[in-house]
Amino acid sequence: MKIGRAYKHVMEFDSLVVAHCKRTDLFTATGREDIKNGRLIVRVEFDKLEGDILLSLADFVYNLRSGLDQLAWQLCLSGGGDPGRDTMFPIYESDGAKSEAMFLKRVKDMPPDAVLIIRELQPYKRGADYRKHPLWQLNELGNIDKHRLPAGRSTDTSFYIEPLGYTKTDFDNGMELNWPLSAKGKVKLEGKTPILTFGDPIDNPSSRDPLELTRYDIAEIYRYVREDVAPQFTRFLT
């Protein structure tokens, strides 16, 4: 199954991320003086992630999400149904009337007990925390991947900055630091091992709430599907 194939891609993705984080040229800093307002402004830009990292993530997402849809196809067959274009593994953040109607269409002719399991796996079962559900995160990544590569960015989580007294503005793949002009000659920036996040760009205006996942979140998505989801349906496929 593609769920198994996804393992190759998630391991490749993780190894590429680790290699990227070991680099010593991960950011550039440029400063300018705003004489009118008496400010010293330093713009820090993190090196863009290599395309191979994002491509391996996209391959992982595609294989894992489509693997769940293949599972749904087999469940429909095991229930004596005739799977079609509406047959897929449903993932919903809401249990409203519209979502429920789509859910029933997706699971048509699957064994009733399998449908109950799928229902219990729905992200909306976590209430307001549905965004933390691995299936919701996988589905969101899959929706992103349909149109473009998932975004990747470094964060300043492990960044040493002095002197204090600055303000900070984040932007996609970087930040801008702002001091009183008196800080000129005193600024020190020390980049440590970065934290990389993947999903939506932080400044994507079309996002309701940007999706940002770490490599550990990506690994947990795979573990959850492989260990907590797929085994529950083995009895319907043998």
Protein backbone atom coordinates (compact mmCIF):
# COMPACT_ATOMS: atom_id res chain seq x y z
CA MET A 1 0.00 0.00 0.00
CA LYS A 2 0.96 3.61 -0.44
CA ILE A 3 0.92 3.99 3.33
CA GLY A 4 4.00 1.78 3.41
CA ARG A 5 5.56 3.66 0.50
CA ALA A 6 5.13 6.90 2.43
CA TYR A 7 7.73 5.65 4.93
CA LYS A 8 10.48 6.02 2.34
CA HIS A 9 9.50 9.60 1.67
CA VAL A 10 9.13 10.65 5.31
CA MET A 11 12.59 9.23 6.10
CA GLU A 12 14.08 11.02 3.11
CA PHE A 13 12.37 14.24 4.16
CA ASP A 14 13.69 13.96 7.71
CA SER A 15 17.27 13.28 6.62
CA LEU A 16 17.21 16.30 4.28
CA VAL A 17 15.90 18.53 7.08
CA VAL A 18 18.64 17.35 9.45
CA ALA A 19 21.31 18.00 6.80
CA HIS A 20 19.93 21.48 6.14
CA CYS A 21 20.02 22.38 9.84
CA LYS A 22 23.71 21.48 10.06
CA ARG A 23 24.67 24.14 7.55
CA THR A 24 26.53 27.22 8.78
CA ASP A 25 25.23 29.70 6.17
CA LEU A 26 21.56 29.71 7.05
CA PHE A 27 20.91 33.45 7.30
CA THR A 28 22.03 36.87 6.13
CA ALA A 29 21.59 40.16 8.02
CA THR A 30 21.53 43.64 6.50
CA GLY A 31 21.21 46.85 8.47
CA ARG A 32 20.09 50.39 7.71
CA GLU A 33 19.68 53.58 9.70
CA ASP A 34 16.36 55.38 9.84
CA ILE A 35 17.76 58.80 10.75
CA LYS A 36 14.37 60.52 10.65
CA ASN A 37 12.90 58.25 13.32
CA GLY A 38 16.15 57.52 15.17
CA ARG A 39 16.00 53.78 14.59
CA LEU A 40 18.46 51.07 13.60
CA ILE A 41 16.78 48.40 11.48
CA VAL A 42 18.29 44.98 10.81
CA ARG A 43 16.60 42.65 8.35
CA VAL A 44 17.38 38.95 8.84
CA GLU A 45 16.60 36.59 5.99
CA PHE A 46 16.88 32.84 6.43
CA ASP A 47 18.20 30.82 3.53
CA LYS A 48 15.37 29.31 1.53
CA LEU A 49 14.88 25.59 1.92
CA GLU A 50 16.19 23.38 -0.83
CA GLY A 51 13.55 22.21 -3.30
CA ASP A 52 14.32 18.56 -2.53
CA ILE A 53 13.06 19.01 1.05
CA LEU A 54 9.68 20.32 -0.08
CA LEU A 55 9.41 17.79 -2.91
CA SER A 56 10.04 14.88 -0.54
CA LEU A 57 7.42 16.28 1.84
CA ALA A 58 4.93 16.57 -1.02
CA ASP A 59 5.65 12.96 -2.07
CA PHE A 60 5.10 11.82 1.51
CA VAL A 61 1.81 13.66 1.82
CA TYR A 62 0.52 12.38 -1.52
CA ASN A 63 1.34 8.75 -0.76
CA LEU A 64 -0.07 8.79 2.76
CA ARG A 65 -3.29 10.63 1.89
CA SER A 66 -3.95 8.56 -1.24
CA GLY A 67 -3.09 5.46 0.78
CA LEU A 68 -6.05 6.21 3.03
CA ASP A 69 -8.26 6.60 -0.03
CA GLN A 70 -7.07 3.23 -1.33
CA LEU A 71 -8.00 1.79 2.06
CA ALA A 72 -11.48 3.28 1.67
CA TRP A 73 -11.78 1.68 -1.79
CA GLN A 74 -10.94 -1.74 -0.36
CA LEU A 75 -13.38 -1.27 2.51
CA CYS A 76 -16.15 -0.54 0.03
CA LEU A 77 -15.31 -3.72 -1.87
CA SER A 78 -15.26 -5.73 1.35
CA GLY A 79 -18.75 -4.44 2.09
CA GLY A 80 -20.01 -5.71 -1.25
CA GLY A 81 -20.17 -2.27 -2.80
CA ASP A 82 -19.05 -0.85 -6.13
CA PRO A 83 -16.56 1.95 -5.30
CA GLY A 84 -16.56 5.04 -7.48
CA ARG A 85 -15.37 8.63 -7.63
CA ASP A 86 -17.09 9.50 -4.35
CA THR A 87 -15.37 6.70 -2.46
CA MET A 88 -12.59 8.02 -0.25
CA PHE A 89 -11.44 8.23 3.34
CA PRO A 90 -13.38 11.19 4.78
CA ILE A 91 -11.64 13.70 7.03
CA TYR A 92 -13.77 16.49 8.49
CA GLU A 93 -13.27 19.21 11.08
CA SER A 94 -17.02 19.70 11.54
CA ASP A 95 -19.99 17.37 11.99
CA GLY A 96 -22.52 19.80 10.53
CA ALA A 97 -25.25 18.70 8.15
CA LYS A 98 -23.17 19.35 5.02
CA SER A 99 -20.17 17.45 6.34
CA GLU A 100 -22.38 14.57 7.48
CA ALA A 101 -23.97 14.29 4.03
CA MET A 102 -20.51 14.17 2.41
CA PHE A 103 -19.29 11.68 5.02
CA LEU A 104 -22.11 9.26 4.22
CA LYS A 105 -21.41 9.59 0.50
CA ARG A 106 -17.70 8.78 1.04
CA VAL A 107 -18.34 5.67 3.15
CA LYS A 108 -21.25 4.27 1.15
CA ASP A 109 -21.37 0.43 1.15
CA MET A 110 -18.49 0.07 3.61
CA PRO A 111 -19.02 -2.41 6.47
CA PRO A 112 -21.01 -0.67 9.25
CA ASP A 113 -18.34 -1.37 11.86
CA ALA A 114 -15.68 0.15 9.59
CA VAL A 115 -17.83 3.26 9.22
CA LEU A 116 -18.08 3.54 13.00
CA ILE A 117 -14.28 3.40 13.28
CA ILE A 118 -13.84 6.06 10.61
CA ARG A 119 -16.35 8.28 12.39
CA GLU A 120 -14.47 7.97 15.68
CA LEU A 121 -11.26 8.98 13.90
CA GLN A 122 -12.69 12.29 12.67
CA PRO A 123 -10.82 15.44 13.77
CA TYR A 124 -14.04 17.09 14.99
CA LYS A 125 -14.11 14.53 17.79
CA ARG A 126 -11.41 16.66 19.43
CA GLY A 127 -13.66 19.71 19.51
CA ALA A 128 -11.75 23.01 19.39
CA ASP A 129 -8.45 21.10 19.18
CA TYR A 130 -9.27 19.56 15.78
CA ARG A 131 -6.27 21.33 14.24
CA LYS A 132 -3.97 19.20 16.38
CA HIS A 133 -5.41 16.00 14.95
CA PRO A 134 -2.87 14.24 12.66
CA LEU A 135 -5.56 13.41 10.09
CA TRP A 136 -6.66 17.03 9.87
CA GLN A 137 -3.05 18.11 9.42
CA LEU A 138 -2.50 15.47 6.73
CA ASN A 139 -5.65 16.51 4.90
CA GLU A 140 -4.64 20.18 4.99
CA LEU A 141 -1.19 19.35 3.64
CA GLY A 142 -2.86 17.29 0.93
CA ASN A 143 -5.09 20.20 -0.06
CA ILE A 144 -2.06 22.48 -0.25
CA ASP A 145 -0.15 19.93 -2.34
CA LYS A 146 -2.94 19.79 -4.93
CA HIS A 147 -2.09 23.34 -6.01
CA ARG A 148 1.48 24.08 -4.90
CA LEU A 149 4.31 22.75 -2.81
CA PRO A 150 3.90 23.07 0.95
CA ALA A 151 5.85 26.07 2.20
CA GLY A 152 8.88 25.68 4.42
CA ARG A 153 10.58 28.29 6.57
CA SER A 154 13.17 28.71 9.30
CA THR A 155 12.22 30.34 12.57
CA ASP A 156 14.29 32.39 15.02
CA THR A 157 13.44 30.12 17.97
CA SER A 158 17.14 29.42 18.63
CA PHE A 159 18.43 32.88 17.71
CA TYR A 160 20.60 34.81 20.16
CA ILE A 161 20.04 38.57 19.83
CA GLU A 162 21.53 41.49 21.73
CA PRO A 163 21.16 44.13 22.97
CA LEU A 164 17.67 43.90 24.38
CA GLY A 165 15.14 46.64 23.78
CA TYR A 166 14.34 45.76 20.19
CA THR A 167 11.02 45.15 18.50
CA LYS A 168 10.58 42.29 16.06
CA THR A 169 8.39 41.83 13.01
CA ASP A 170 8.14 38.37 11.41
CA PHE A 171 7.73 37.86 7.70
CA ASP A 172 7.85 34.78 5.53
CA ASN A 173 11.37 33.32 5.79
CA GLY A 174 12.78 36.04 8.02
CA MET A 175 12.32 38.88 10.50
CA GLU A 176 13.06 42.56 10.97
CA LEU A 177 14.63 43.83 14.18
CA ASN A 178 14.28 47.44 15.25
CA TRP A 179 16.43 49.24 17.87
CA PRO A 180 16.98 52.84 18.92
CA LEU A 181 19.83 54.28 16.86
CA SER A 182 21.99 54.25 20.01
CA ALA A 183 22.32 50.47 19.57
CA LYS A 184 24.56 50.99 16.54
CA GLY A 185 27.79 49.01 16.96
CA LYS A 186 26.34 46.92 19.78
CA VAL A 187 24.14 44.51 17.82
CA LYS A 188 25.07 40.85 18.02
CA LEU A 189 23.25 38.08 16.17
CA GLU A 190 24.09 34.44 16.69
CA GLY A 191 22.19 31.81 14.76
CA LYS A 192 21.88 28.40 16.34
CA THR A 193 20.24 25.25 15.00
CA PRO A 194 17.01 26.52 13.43
CA ILE A 195 13.52 25.15 13.82
CA LEU A 196 11.95 24.49 10.43
CA THR A 197 8.21 24.64 9.93
CA PHE A 198 6.14 23.45 6.98
CA GLY A 199 2.65 24.09 5.69
CA ASP A 200 1.23 27.48 4.75
CA PRO A 201 3.40 30.59 4.43
CA ILE A 202 3.09 32.65 7.60
CA ASP A 203 1.95 35.65 5.54
CA ASN A 204 -0.47 33.82 3.23
CA PRO A 205 -3.52 36.11 3.14
CA SER A 206 -5.81 33.26 2.03
CA SER A 207 -5.17 31.19 5.16
CA ARG A 208 -7.73 31.34 7.94
CA ASP A 209 -5.00 30.31 10.37
CA PRO A 210 -1.62 29.34 8.87
CA LEU A 211 -0.66 25.70 9.20
CA GLU A 212 2.90 25.31 10.49
CA LEU A 213 4.27 21.88 11.38
CA THR A 214 7.73 20.76 12.50
CA ARG A 215 9.55 17.64 11.31
CA TYR A 216 8.36 15.97 14.52
CA ASP A 217 4.74 16.78 13.67
CA ILE A 218 5.26 15.27 10.20
CA ALA A 219 6.71 12.11 11.73
CA GLU A 220 3.75 11.88 14.13
CA ILE A 221 1.30 12.09 11.23
CA TYR A 222 2.94 9.03 9.68
CA ARG A 223 3.11 7.15 12.97
CA TYR A 224 -0.54 7.86 13.69
CA VAL A 225 -1.76 6.61 10.32
CA ARG A 226 0.52 3.57 10.28
CA GLU A 227 0.02 2.46 13.90
CA ASP A 228 -3.29 3.90 15.11
CA VAL A 229 -5.44 4.06 11.99
CA ALA A 230 -4.58 1.39 9.43
CA PRO A 231 -4.43 -1.62 11.84
CA GLN A 232 -8.04 -1.03 12.93
CA PHE A 233 -9.26 -2.06 9.46
CA THR A 234 -7.21 -5.23 8.99
CA ARG A 235 -10.10 -7.47 10.00
CA PHE A 236 -12.25 -6.13 7.16
CA LEU A 237 -9.65 -6.89 4.49
CA THR A 238 -8.72 -10.48 5.28
